[in-house]
Protein backbone atom coordinates (compact mmCIF):
# COMPACT_ATOMS: atom_id res chain seq x y z
CA MET A 1 -9.00 21.53 -19.13
CA HIS A 2 -8.69 17.76 -19.28
CA ARG A 3 -11.67 15.60 -20.25
CA ILE A 4 -12.03 12.01 -19.07
CA GLU A 5 -14.73 9.84 -20.60
CA THR A 6 -15.17 7.10 -18.01
CA HIS A 7 -16.86 4.69 -20.41
CA ASP A 8 -13.59 4.63 -22.37
CA LYS A 9 -11.31 2.61 -20.08
CA THR A 10 -8.20 3.59 -22.05
CA GLN A 11 -8.87 7.21 -21.03
CA LYS A 12 -9.83 6.48 -17.44
CA TRP A 13 -6.84 4.23 -16.82
CA GLN A 14 -4.45 7.07 -17.69
CA TRP A 15 -5.41 8.64 -14.34
CA ALA A 16 -4.61 7.45 -10.81
CA CYS A 17 -4.86 8.53 -7.20
CA PRO A 18 -1.89 10.59 -5.97
CA THR A 19 -0.65 7.98 -3.47
CA PRO A 20 2.50 5.98 -4.27
CA SER A 21 0.23 2.99 -5.07
CA ARG A 22 -1.33 4.90 -8.00
CA HIS A 23 -4.70 3.12 -7.79
CA ARG A 24 -6.92 3.54 -10.83
CA ASP A 25 -10.30 2.70 -9.30
CA TRP A 26 -11.36 6.27 -8.58
CA ARG A 27 -14.66 8.06 -8.94
CA VAL A 28 -16.00 11.56 -8.37
CA VAL A 29 -17.80 12.20 -5.09
CA ASP A 30 -18.91 15.64 -3.92
CA GLY A 31 -16.50 17.51 -6.17
CA LEU A 32 -13.49 15.43 -5.14
CA PHE A 33 -11.90 12.23 -6.38
CA GLU A 34 -12.46 9.18 -4.22
CA CYS A 35 -10.07 6.23 -4.49
CA ARG A 36 -12.00 3.06 -3.77
CA SER A 37 -8.82 1.15 -2.87
CA CYS A 38 -7.47 3.78 -0.45
CA GLY A 39 -10.88 4.78 0.88
CA GLU A 40 -9.69 8.41 0.76
CA THR A 41 -10.71 11.52 -1.16
CA PHE A 42 -8.32 13.74 -3.08
CA LYS A 43 -8.44 17.14 -4.75
CA GLU A 44 -6.29 15.88 -7.64
CA LEU A 45 -5.39 12.90 -9.77
CA VAL A 46 -2.09 11.97 -11.42
CA HIS A 47 -2.00 11.83 -15.21
CA LEU A 48 0.18 8.74 -15.58
CA PRO A 49 1.60 9.42 -19.08
CA THR A 50 3.02 12.79 -17.96
CA GLY A 51 3.28 12.37 -14.18
CA ASN A 52 1.46 15.68 -13.72
CA ARG A 53 -0.96 16.19 -10.84
CA VAL A 54 -4.20 17.76 -12.04
CA ARG A 55 -6.69 19.39 -9.67
CA ARG A 56 -10.40 18.50 -9.78
CA GLU A 57 -11.46 21.89 -11.13
CA ASN A 58 -9.25 21.28 -14.19
CA VAL A 59 -10.85 17.93 -15.07
CA GLU A 60 -14.17 17.36 -16.81
CA VAL A 61 -15.43 13.85 -16.10
CA VAL A 62 -18.05 12.45 -18.48
CA GLY A 63 -19.82 9.10 -18.24
CA ALA A 64 -20.99 6.61 -15.66
CA GLU A 65 -18.56 7.77 -12.95
CA ALA A 66 -18.95 11.46 -13.68
CA ASP A 67 -19.52 14.29 -11.29
CA HIS A 68 -23.28 13.88 -10.92
CA LYS A 69 -22.78 13.73 -7.15
CA GLY A 70 -21.84 17.40 -6.82
CA ALA A 71 -19.35 19.06 -9.12
CA PHE A 72 -17.86 21.61 -6.77
CA GLY A 73 -20.01 21.47 -3.68
CA ARG A 74 -18.87 21.15 -0.12
CA PRO A 75 -17.60 17.58 0.51
CA THR A 76 -19.94 15.38 2.51
CA VAL A 77 -17.67 12.33 2.68
CA GLU A 78 -14.89 11.99 5.21
């Protein structure tokens, strides 16, 4: 299980959306990751130091952009 503390930008910036653009301005919405730049939701993020894709259920997000909007509920965003 990976843990991302969003208040620590050095931790958060190690993760990016899975598109080729690798945007880093993501947040958790309804149990998924939402990339604010793409305007899309994803079930995984890319860990930039390793290049591994990590699914939402294997990531604990702590801090201001944490999963307070529904950890594993049914997505309500399109």
